[in-house]
């Protein structure tokens, strides 16, 4: 039985209610289904429930599957639908924060870095492929099948299967690129081969078999998942038939047009993204970045939003915010800031473009239940000079630039010995306040802006009334002196 092909096992289960046949199918494909559920739900417990729901659906639909069905592809689609059903439910508000997918670490491999960006979008991307392309991708990267085995499954020549696979991977790469994730086909293929199907928990197969084949009691939440997934599956078939009908009508010259409109998934909640800023960072070749958080609420059917620039310490009042048919538009008119993006079908990721004046950059947001705290600005009492602190106070200085000196200031607070908070200002006003960290060791003082624009490194002199040193930005050093204001 372990050597039997998938559809033979499906038929055996459908006609004879064979528990061994079903158990073989579960153990053969459970890691594939669980990996999709885990990527979408972001929570191991919920991923297990989604996995169970998928195999319950398989048990119900086994008799109706076509003989030429590629079961791995069918299970991937069903897992996406079941995950979407879960994410549209009330429990969506309580799932764990998804990892921000545009971050990477220098010490990781190319495939690892690519995977951090790809994982939150992967299953939606595969879902956009045609059936044959989707089956080829799932068989190769989720089932580790060779080109020859893919050819047998798709009933084509081996060369045709390889060409289809190559085209499908290129379609995925292009889809990711439109959403701000630039990855080569080699890096994409490598990431999929290494990461796409981590092993499912050891206990999960037994519990799935028990629930699906042995008729064990099913929880109400799992039943809700199943009903939701089946509705999505039915709608997908209906939508496909509508599109096919439109194609026929257009081909025959008729003027009848059918238009599908959707409001898109609910976007209420908190969203976090990381924006790459223009200019050089502290180290040469490094771009500064800042974290942005959107808080979106729905009142009387309308959405309202506010924004926070965490690392620069700014609240943003959005003059305009609209959400129609899955597309978002937001503006801060006075600052010439605009964002246009789209929400994925599961309502978990917003992908789009940020514009500020002439500068533009890709910007993606992921849902979060635990956004970083917005740092309140220091009050006058926080940085009032104290005899027992050589750094606490208000320091004014100027950074030498090609166009002349740039006036800056640093407010430093030392709430407990050796522990500091700071606000870095680029006057006039507090509009350009950036939270900063302070390090003080052996007379050397470092003030590092949180958004990575630059840092000051120097030492105290003249009776602790001056900080003299360099402003470091983009690998360049500019002599800078801060003077402590005594009132």
Protein backbone atom coordinates (compact mmCIF):
# COMPACT_ATOMS: atom_id res chain seq x y z
CA UNK A 1 0.00 0.00 0.00
CA UNK A 2 2.82 2.52 0.63
CA UNK A 3 3.71 2.17 -3.09
CA UNK A 4 0.16 2.78 -4.34
CA UNK A 5 -0.44 6.10 -6.10
CA UNK A 6 -2.56 8.78 -4.48
CA UNK A 7 -5.73 8.39 -6.53
CA UNK A 8 -5.74 4.59 -6.13
CA UNK A 9 -5.73 5.16 -2.37
CA UNK A 10 -8.48 7.77 -2.68
CA UNK A 11 -10.66 5.35 -4.66
CA UNK A 12 -9.99 2.54 -2.18
CA UNK A 13 -11.05 4.77 0.69
CA UNK A 14 -14.09 6.08 -1.19
CA UNK A 15 -15.37 2.61 -2.21
CA UNK A 16 -14.34 0.44 0.76
CA UNK A 17 -13.90 3.01 3.55
CA UNK A 18 -10.37 1.67 3.92
CA UNK A 19 -8.75 3.16 6.99
CA UNK A 20 -5.22 1.98 5.98
CA UNK A 21 -5.61 3.73 2.61
CA UNK A 22 -6.65 6.96 4.26
CA UNK A 23 -3.89 6.75 6.87
CA UNK A 24 -1.32 6.33 4.08
CA UNK A 25 -2.64 9.45 2.37
CA UNK A 26 -2.49 11.42 5.61
CA UNK A 27 1.08 10.41 6.45
CA UNK A 28 2.16 11.03 2.87
CA UNK A 29 0.80 14.57 2.66
CA UNK A 30 0.37 15.88 6.20
CA UNK A 31 3.59 17.91 6.20
CA UNK A 32 2.53 19.65 2.99
CA UNK A 33 -0.87 20.63 4.41
CA UNK A 34 0.53 21.61 7.81
CA UNK A 35 3.21 23.85 6.25
CA UNK A 36 0.59 25.84 4.34
CA UNK A 37 -1.59 26.18 7.44
CA UNK A 38 1.33 27.27 9.61
CA UNK A 39 2.46 29.93 7.16
CA UNK A 40 -1.04 31.36 6.91
CA UNK A 41 -2.17 31.11 10.55
CA UNK A 42 1.19 31.78 12.18
CA UNK A 43 0.20 29.67 15.18
CA UNK A 44 1.05 25.94 15.64
CA UNK A 45 -2.18 25.10 17.49
CA UNK A 46 -4.39 26.73 14.87
CA UNK A 47 -2.32 25.18 12.07
CA UNK A 48 -3.09 21.72 13.48
CA UNK A 49 -6.82 22.45 13.51
CA UNK A 50 -6.69 23.69 9.91
CA UNK A 51 -4.76 20.56 8.91
CA UNK A 52 -7.42 18.37 10.48
CA UNK A 53 -10.14 20.29 8.65
CA UNK A 54 -8.40 19.76 5.28
CA UNK A 55 -8.29 15.99 5.67
CA UNK A 56 -11.88 15.91 6.87
CA UNK A 57 -12.79 17.67 3.63
CA UNK A 58 -10.75 15.09 1.71
CA UNK A 59 -12.69 12.31 3.45
CA UNK A 60 -15.99 13.94 2.47
CA UNK A 61 -15.02 14.63 -1.15
CA UNK A 62 -12.98 11.49 -1.90
CA UNK A 63 -15.71 9.89 -4.00
CA UNK A 64 -16.10 13.01 -6.15
CA UNK A 65 -12.46 13.65 -7.03
CA UNK A 66 -11.62 13.14 -10.70
CA UNK A 67 -9.24 10.26 -11.54
CA UNK A 68 -6.72 12.70 -13.05
CA UNK A 69 -6.59 14.88 -9.91
CA UNK A 70 -3.08 15.70 -8.70
CA UNK A 71 -3.81 15.22 -5.02
CA UNK A 72 -0.85 17.27 -3.77
CA UNK A 73 -2.08 20.28 -5.75
CA UNK A 74 -5.67 19.73 -4.59
CA UNK A 75 -4.57 19.54 -0.94
CA UNK A 76 -2.50 22.72 -1.27
CA UNK A 77 -5.51 24.62 -2.61
CA UNK A 78 -7.82 23.19 0.05
CA UNK A 79 -5.33 24.12 2.76
CA UNK A 80 -5.31 27.69 1.43
CA UNK A 81 -9.09 27.81 1.48
CA UNK A 82 -9.31 26.38 5.00
CA UNK A 83 -6.69 28.88 6.18
CA UNK A 84 -8.64 31.71 4.58
CA UNK A 85 -11.78 30.49 6.36
CA UNK A 86 -9.94 30.59 9.67
CA UNK A 87 -8.41 34.03 9.04
CA UNK A 88 -11.80 35.49 8.23
CA UNK A 89 -13.23 34.33 11.55
CA UNK A 90 -13.23 36.03 14.91
CA UNK A 91 -10.14 34.16 16.07
CA UNK A 92 -8.15 36.13 13.46
CA UNK A 93 -7.91 39.01 15.94
CA UNK A 94 -5.98 36.86 18.40
CA UNK A 95 -3.38 35.15 16.24
CA UNK A 96 0.27 35.82 16.90
CA UNK A 97 2.18 38.57 15.23
CA UNK A 98 3.50 37.49 11.87
CA UNK A 99 7.14 38.04 11.29
CA UNK A 100 8.00 41.13 9.23
CA UNK A 101 9.00 39.57 5.91
CA UNK A 102 11.24 42.22 4.48
CA UNK A 103 13.98 41.83 7.12
CA UNK A 104 17.10 39.72 6.61
CA UNK A 105 20.28 38.87 8.47
CA UNK A 106 23.73 39.11 6.94
CA UNK A 107 24.90 35.79 8.32
CA UNK A 108 22.09 33.76 6.74
CA UNK A 109 22.27 32.08 3.34
CA UNK A 110 20.65 33.53 0.21
CA UNK A 111 17.87 30.94 0.39
CA UNK A 112 17.22 31.81 4.05
CA UNK A 113 17.04 35.54 3.33
CA UNK A 114 14.71 34.93 0.40
CA UNK A 115 12.49 32.70 2.52
CA UNK A 116 11.89 35.42 5.16
CA UNK A 117 10.45 37.62 2.42
CA UNK A 118 8.58 34.91 0.53
CA UNK A 119 6.93 32.86 3.26
CA UNK A 120 3.99 35.17 4.13
CA UNK A 121 3.05 35.52 0.44
CA UNK A 122 3.99 32.09 -0.93
CA UNK A 123 0.70 30.22 -0.82
CA UNK A 124 -1.28 33.13 -2.24
CA UNK A 125 1.27 33.36 -5.06
CA UNK A 126 0.92 29.66 -5.87
CA UNK A 127 -2.85 30.06 -5.76
CA UNK A 128 -2.65 32.63 -8.58
CA UNK A 129 -1.13 30.08 -10.96
CA UNK A 130 -3.16 28.02 -13.38
CA UNK A 131 -3.99 24.47 -12.31
CA UNK A 132 -1.25 22.74 -14.32
CA UNK A 133 1.41 25.26 -13.25
CA UNK A 134 0.28 25.00 -9.63
CA UNK A 135 0.45 21.21 -9.72
CA UNK A 136 3.96 21.32 -11.20
CA UNK A 137 5.19 23.68 -8.47
CA UNK A 138 3.62 21.68 -5.65
CA UNK A 139 4.95 18.37 -6.97
CA UNK A 140 8.49 19.72 -7.39
CA UNK A 141 8.92 21.86 -4.29
CA UNK A 142 6.41 20.39 -1.84
CA UNK A 143 6.76 16.73 -2.85
CA UNK A 144 10.38 16.80 -4.12
CA UNK A 145 9.37 15.07 -7.36
CA UNK A 146 11.69 14.86 -10.38
CA UNK A 147 10.82 16.23 -13.80
CA UNK A 148 10.07 12.67 -14.95
CA UNK A 149 7.65 12.10 -12.05
CA UNK A 150 5.97 15.46 -12.70
CA UNK A 151 5.57 14.49 -16.37
CA UNK A 152 3.82 11.24 -15.39
CA UNK A 153 1.47 13.08 -13.01
CA UNK A 154 0.60 15.74 -15.61
CA UNK A 155 0.49 13.23 -18.49
CA UNK A 156 3.01 15.14 -20.61
CA UNK A 157 6.53 14.57 -21.91
CA UNK A 158 9.40 15.16 -19.49
CA UNK A 159 10.72 18.13 -21.49
CA UNK A 160 7.25 19.71 -21.45
CA UNK A 161 7.00 19.20 -17.69
CA UNK A 162 10.38 20.89 -17.16
CA UNK A 163 9.40 23.83 -19.36
CA UNK A 164 6.10 24.20 -17.51
CA UNK A 165 7.91 24.17 -14.17
CA UNK A 166 10.42 26.78 -15.34
CA UNK A 167 7.65 29.05 -16.60
CA UNK A 168 5.70 28.60 -13.37
CA UNK A 169 8.71 29.59 -11.25
CA UNK A 170 9.25 32.65 -13.45
CA UNK A 171 5.58 33.60 -12.98
CA UNK A 172 6.04 33.33 -9.22
CA UNK A 173 9.18 35.47 -9.37
CA UNK A 174 7.36 38.15 -11.37
CA UNK A 175 4.39 38.03 -8.96
CA UNK A 176 6.69 38.57 -5.97
CA UNK A 177 8.54 41.38 -7.74
CA UNK A 178 5.29 43.33 -8.23
CA UNK A 179 4.83 43.17 -4.46
CA UNK A 180 8.26 44.50 -3.66
CA UNK A 181 10.10 41.19 -3.14
CA UNK A 182 12.99 40.99 -5.59
CA UNK A 183 14.39 37.46 -5.80
CA UNK A 184 16.19 35.53 -8.53
CA UNK A 185 14.72 32.32 -9.91
CA UNK A 186 17.64 30.37 -8.43
CA UNK A 187 17.13 31.90 -4.97
CA UNK A 188 13.38 31.32 -5.23
CA UNK A 189 13.83 27.66 -6.22
CA UNK A 190 16.42 27.14 -3.49
CA UNK A 191 14.22 28.69 -0.81
CA UNK A 192 11.24 26.55 -1.86
CA UNK A 193 13.26 23.32 -1.88
CA UNK A 194 14.75 24.00 1.57
CA UNK A 195 11.87 25.55 3.46
CA UNK A 196 8.48 24.89 1.86
CA UNK A 197 7.55 21.73 3.79
CA UNK A 198 8.94 21.45 7.32
CA UNK A 199 7.90 18.26 9.05
CA UNK A 200 4.50 18.19 10.75
CA UNK A 201 4.33 17.39 14.49
CA UNK A 202 4.70 13.67 15.14
CA UNK A 203 1.35 13.31 16.89
CA UNK A 204 -0.69 15.13 14.25
CA UNK A 205 -1.13 12.30 11.72
CA UNK A 206 -2.67 9.98 14.30
CA UNK A 207 -5.17 12.61 15.49
CA UNK A 208 -6.12 13.50 11.91
CA UNK A 209 -6.70 9.86 11.00
CA UNK A 210 -8.78 9.38 14.14
CA UNK A 211 -10.96 12.40 13.36
CA UNK A 212 -11.29 11.75 9.63
CA UNK A 213 -11.45 7.99 9.21
CA UNK A 214 -12.71 6.75 12.56
CA UNK A 215 -15.53 9.21 13.01
CA UNK A 216 -14.28 10.79 16.23
CA UNK A 217 -16.10 13.81 17.60
CA UNK A 218 -15.24 17.05 15.80
CA UNK A 219 -15.06 20.40 17.60
CA UNK A 220 -17.43 23.20 16.65
CA UNK A 221 -14.52 25.40 15.60
CA UNK A 222 -13.26 22.72 13.21
CA UNK A 223 -16.76 22.31 11.76
CA UNK A 224 -16.87 26.09 11.22
CA UNK A 225 -13.54 25.89 9.41
CA UNK A 226 -14.80 23.10 7.17
CA UNK A 227 -18.02 24.96 6.28
CA UNK A 228 -16.09 28.14 5.51
CA UNK A 229 -13.55 26.32 3.36
CA UNK A 230 -16.26 24.50 1.42
CA UNK A 231 -18.02 27.81 0.75
CA UNK A 232 -14.80 29.33 -0.58
CA UNK A 233 -14.18 26.25 -2.74
CA UNK A 234 -17.72 26.45 -4.14
CA UNK A 235 -17.38 30.18 -4.84
CA UNK A 236 -14.05 29.63 -6.58
CA UNK A 237 -15.67 27.13 -8.94
CA UNK A 238 -18.55 29.51 -9.60
CA UNK A 239 -16.20 32.40 -10.26
CA UNK A 240 -14.19 30.26 -12.70
CA UNK A 241 -17.39 29.40 -14.57
CA UNK A 242 -18.34 33.11 -14.74
CA UNK A 243 -14.94 34.05 -16.15
CA UNK A 244 -15.19 31.25 -18.72
CA UNK A 245 -18.65 32.51 -19.67
CA UNK A 246 -17.37 36.04 -20.15
CA UNK A 247 -14.60 34.75 -22.41
CA UNK A 248 -17.13 32.94 -24.61
CA UNK A 249 -19.42 35.98 -24.76
CA UNK A 250 -16.59 38.29 -25.76
CA UNK A 251 -15.35 35.82 -28.36
CA UNK A 252 -18.77 35.70 -30.03
CA UNK A 253 -19.07 39.49 -30.19
CA UNK A 254 -21.98 39.96 -27.77
CA UNK A 255 -22.07 43.15 -25.68
CA UNK A 256 -23.14 41.42 -22.46
CA UNK A 257 -20.64 42.13 -19.67
CA UNK A 258 -20.53 40.59 -16.20
CA UNK A 259 -18.58 42.52 -13.57
CA UNK A 260 -17.58 41.04 -10.22
CA UNK A 261 -17.11 43.51 -7.38
CA UNK A 262 -15.70 42.68 -3.95
CA UNK A 263 -15.21 44.80 -0.89
CA UNK A 264 -12.13 42.79 0.07
CA UNK A 265 -11.29 41.24 3.44
CA UNK A 266 -11.77 43.14 6.69
CA UNK A 267 -8.66 45.23 7.41
CA UNK A 268 -9.54 46.36 10.92
CA UNK A 269 -6.56 46.00 13.24
CA UNK A 270 -2.93 46.99 13.57
CA UNK A 271 -0.37 46.66 10.78
CA UNK A 272 3.41 47.03 10.92
CA UNK A 273 5.92 47.59 8.13
CA UNK A 274 9.56 48.62 7.69
CA UNK A 275 10.34 51.50 5.34
CA UNK A 276 13.75 52.03 3.76
CA UNK A 277 14.60 55.71 3.97
CA UNK A 278 16.56 57.82 1.48
CA UNK A 279 20.12 58.73 2.41
CA UNK A 280 23.07 56.85 3.85
CA UNK A 281 22.98 55.09 7.18
CA UNK A 282 25.63 55.02 9.89
CA UNK A 283 27.80 52.61 7.91
CA UNK A 284 28.68 53.25 4.29
CA UNK A 285 26.33 51.49 1.89
CA UNK A 286 23.69 51.00 4.60
CA UNK A 287 20.24 52.51 4.17
CA UNK A 288 18.42 53.77 7.27
CA UNK A 289 15.08 52.14 8.03
CA UNK A 290 12.13 53.05 10.19
CA UNK A 291 9.16 51.08 11.48
CA UNK A 292 5.67 52.27 10.57
CA UNK A 293 2.44 51.19 12.23
CA UNK A 294 -1.09 51.63 10.85
CA UNK A 295 -4.04 51.44 13.24
CA UNK A 296 -7.24 50.85 11.25
CA UNK A 297 -10.76 50.85 12.72
CA UNK A 298 -14.15 50.34 11.11
CA UNK A 299 -17.06 52.51 12.19
CA UNK A 300 -20.49 52.49 10.58
CA UNK A 301 -19.11 50.63 7.59
CA UNK A 302 -16.28 53.13 7.00
CA UNK A 303 -12.59 52.67 7.71
CA UNK A 304 -10.48 55.22 9.57
CA UNK A 305 -6.73 55.04 10.06
CA UNK A 306 -3.87 56.70 11.90
CA UNK A 307 -0.15 56.16 11.45
CA UNK A 308 2.87 56.16 13.72
CA UNK A 309 6.51 56.41 12.69
CA UNK A 310 7.99 54.48 15.62
CA UNK A 311 11.71 55.13 15.17
CA UNK A 312 11.33 58.80 14.31
CA UNK A 313 8.78 59.42 17.04
CA UNK A 314 6.10 60.90 14.78
CA UNK A 315 2.34 60.59 14.73
CA UNK A 316 0.86 60.94 11.26
CA UNK A 317 -2.61 62.35 10.68
CA UNK A 318 -3.92 60.81 7.47
CA UNK A 319 -5.82 63.40 5.45
CA UNK A 320 -7.21 60.74 3.13
CA UNK A 321 -7.81 57.04 3.59
CA UNK A 322 -9.85 54.82 1.31
CA UNK A 323 -10.33 51.07 0.93
CA UNK A 324 -12.18 49.73 -2.10
CA UNK A 325 -12.15 46.28 -3.65
CA UNK A 326 -8.97 45.25 -1.84
CA UNK A 327 -7.05 48.45 -2.67
CA UNK A 328 -5.86 50.98 -0.09
CA UNK A 329 -4.96 54.64 -0.58
CA UNK A 330 -3.59 56.84 2.23
CA UNK A 331 -2.22 60.39 2.17
CA UNK A 332 -0.56 62.96 4.41
CA UNK A 333 -1.07 65.89 2.06
CA UNK A 334 1.06 68.53 3.78
CA UNK A 335 4.10 66.22 3.89
CA UNK A 336 3.50 65.00 0.30
CA UNK A 337 3.29 61.42 1.59
CA UNK A 338 1.12 58.80 -0.12
CA UNK A 339 0.73 55.03 0.07
CA UNK A 340 -1.09 52.80 -2.40
CA UNK A 341 -1.38 49.08 -1.77
CA UNK A 342 -3.44 45.93 -2.07
CA UNK A 343 -4.57 43.44 0.57
CA UNK A 344 -4.08 39.73 -0.01
CA UNK A 345 -7.14 37.46 -0.05
CA UNK A 346 -6.55 36.23 3.51
CA UNK A 347 -6.36 39.79 4.84
CA UNK A 348 -2.91 39.26 6.38
CA UNK A 349 -0.54 41.30 4.19
CA UNK A 350 -0.74 44.73 2.53
CA UNK A 351 1.71 45.20 -0.34
CA UNK A 352 2.28 48.53 -2.01
CA UNK A 353 4.32 51.64 -2.75
CA UNK A 354 5.28 54.54 -0.49
CA UNK A 355 5.89 58.02 -1.95
CA UNK A 356 7.25 61.11 -0.22
CA UNK A 357 7.86 63.97 -2.61
CA UNK A 358 10.09 62.55 -5.35
CA UNK A 359 11.20 59.57 -3.25
CA UNK A 360 9.44 56.22 -3.65
CA UNK A 361 9.97 52.77 -2.18
CA UNK A 362 8.20 49.42 -1.86
CA UNK A 363 6.46 49.05 1.49
CA UNK A 364 4.70 46.00 2.89
CA UNK A 365 2.66 45.66 6.07
CA UNK A 366 1.81 42.55 8.09
CA UNK A 367 -0.83 42.26 10.79
CA UNK A 368 0.42 42.45 14.36
CA UNK A 369 -1.22 41.96 17.74
CA UNK A 370 1.81 43.42 19.53
CA UNK A 371 3.05 46.58 17.79
CA UNK A 372 6.14 48.32 19.18
CA UNK A 373 5.39 51.06 21.67
CA UNK A 374 5.38 54.64 20.46
CA UNK A 375 8.03 56.52 22.47
CA UNK A 376 6.65 59.62 24.15
CA UNK A 377 8.88 62.70 23.86
CA UNK A 378 10.89 63.68 26.90
CA UNK A 379 9.32 66.34 29.11
CA UNK A 380 11.24 69.35 30.47
CA UNK A 381 11.52 67.65 33.85
CA UNK A 382 12.99 64.49 32.29
CA UNK A 383 16.13 66.22 31.01
CA UNK A 384 16.52 69.10 33.50
CA UNK A 385 20.24 69.33 34.49
CA UNK A 386 21.20 67.50 37.70
CA UNK A 387 24.40 67.68 39.72
CA UNK A 388 24.61 63.89 39.94
CA UNK A 389 24.41 63.37 36.15
CA UNK A 390 27.10 64.59 33.77
CA UNK A 391 24.95 63.92 30.68
CA UNK A 392 21.36 64.77 31.59
CA UNK A 393 20.38 68.02 29.96
CA UNK A 394 19.76 69.89 26.74
CA UNK A 395 22.69 69.95 24.31
CA UNK A 396 22.86 72.17 21.22
CA UNK A 397 25.26 71.71 18.34
CA UNK A 398 25.81 71.93 14.60
CA UNK A 399 26.78 69.29 12.05
CA UNK A 400 29.06 70.53 9.29
CA UNK A 401 27.59 69.88 5.83
CA UNK A 402 28.46 70.86 2.27
CA UNK A 403 25.80 73.59 2.38
CA UNK A 404 26.80 74.94 5.79
CA UNK A 405 26.20 74.03 9.45
CA UNK A 406 23.01 72.12 10.31
CA UNK A 407 21.63 73.04 13.73
CA UNK A 408 20.76 70.02 15.89
CA UNK A 409 20.01 69.33 19.53
CA UNK A 410 19.94 66.36 21.90
CA UNK A 411 17.80 66.02 25.01
CA UNK A 412 19.31 63.42 27.36
CA UNK A 413 17.65 61.91 30.43
CA UNK A 414 19.33 59.62 32.98
CA UNK A 415 16.40 58.22 35.03
CA UNK A 416 18.75 55.81 36.85
CA UNK A 417 22.51 55.68 37.04
CA UNK A 418 23.98 54.55 33.73
CA UNK A 419 20.56 54.22 32.02
CA UNK A 420 19.69 56.85 29.44
CA UNK A 421 16.92 58.04 27.15
CA UNK A 422 17.39 60.66 24.47
CA UNK A 423 15.55 62.65 21.83
CA UNK A 424 17.52 63.89 18.82
CA UNK A 425 16.14 67.05 17.20
CA UNK A 426 16.76 68.81 13.95
CA UNK A 427 15.12 72.23 14.58
CA UNK A 428 13.02 74.17 13.96
CA UNK A 429 10.45 72.66 16.28
CA UNK A 430 10.06 69.01 17.21
CA UNK A 431 8.81 67.84 13.82
CA UNK A 432 12.04 65.94 13.17
CA UNK A 433 12.42 64.36 16.60
CA UNK A 434 14.01 60.93 16.59
CA UNK A 435 14.31 58.74 19.66
CA UNK A 436 17.98 57.94 20.25
CA UNK A 437 20.05 55.64 22.42
CA UNK A 438 22.96 56.82 24.56
CA UNK A 439 26.07 54.91 25.56
CA UNK A 440 28.56 56.30 28.09
CA UNK A 441 31.69 54.34 28.95
CA UNK A 442 35.02 55.64 30.20
CA UNK A 443 34.33 59.18 29.08
CA UNK A 444 33.30 58.14 25.54
CA UNK A 445 29.77 59.19 24.65
CA UNK A 446 27.70 57.75 21.78
CA UNK A 447 24.30 59.09 20.72
CA UNK A 448 22.71 56.80 18.09
CA UNK A 449 19.53 57.78 16.25
CA UNK A 450 16.98 54.97 16.16
CA UNK A 451 16.16 55.33 12.47
CA UNK A 452 19.81 54.88 11.57
CA UNK A 453 20.40 58.32 10.06
CA UNK A 454 23.63 58.73 11.96
CA UNK A 455 25.38 58.85 15.32
CA UNK A 456 27.54 61.13 17.40
CA UNK A 457 30.70 59.81 19.06
CA UNK A 458 32.82 62.01 21.29
CA UNK A 459 33.83 62.88 24.84
CA UNK A 460 33.11 65.39 27.58
CA UNK A 461 35.37 68.38 28.06
CA UNK A 462 35.47 71.91 29.56
CA UNK A 463 34.04 70.85 32.92
CA UNK A 464 31.43 68.59 31.36
CA UNK A 465 29.83 71.47 29.49
CA UNK A 466 30.78 70.32 25.98
CA UNK A 467 30.54 67.11 23.96
CA UNK A 468 33.24 67.20 21.28
CA UNK A 469 33.63 64.55 18.60
CA UNK A 470 32.32 63.47 15.19
CA UNK A 471 28.97 63.00 13.54
CA UNK A 472 29.17 59.68 11.63
CA UNK A 473 26.86 59.01 8.70
CA UNK A 474 27.32 56.90 5.58
CA UNK A 475 30.93 56.19 6.55
CA UNK A 476 31.71 59.93 6.65
CA UNK A 477 32.81 61.86 9.75
CA UNK A 478 32.05 65.51 10.44
CA UNK A 479 33.57 67.32 13.44
CA UNK A 480 30.71 68.29 15.78
CA UNK A 481 30.49 69.91 19.20
CA UNK A 482 27.45 69.99 21.47
CA UNK A 483 27.23 72.61 24.24
CA UNK A 484 25.20 71.92 27.36
CA UNK A 485 22.51 74.54 27.99
CA UNK A 486 22.24 75.42 31.64
CA UNK A 487 18.74 76.89 31.59
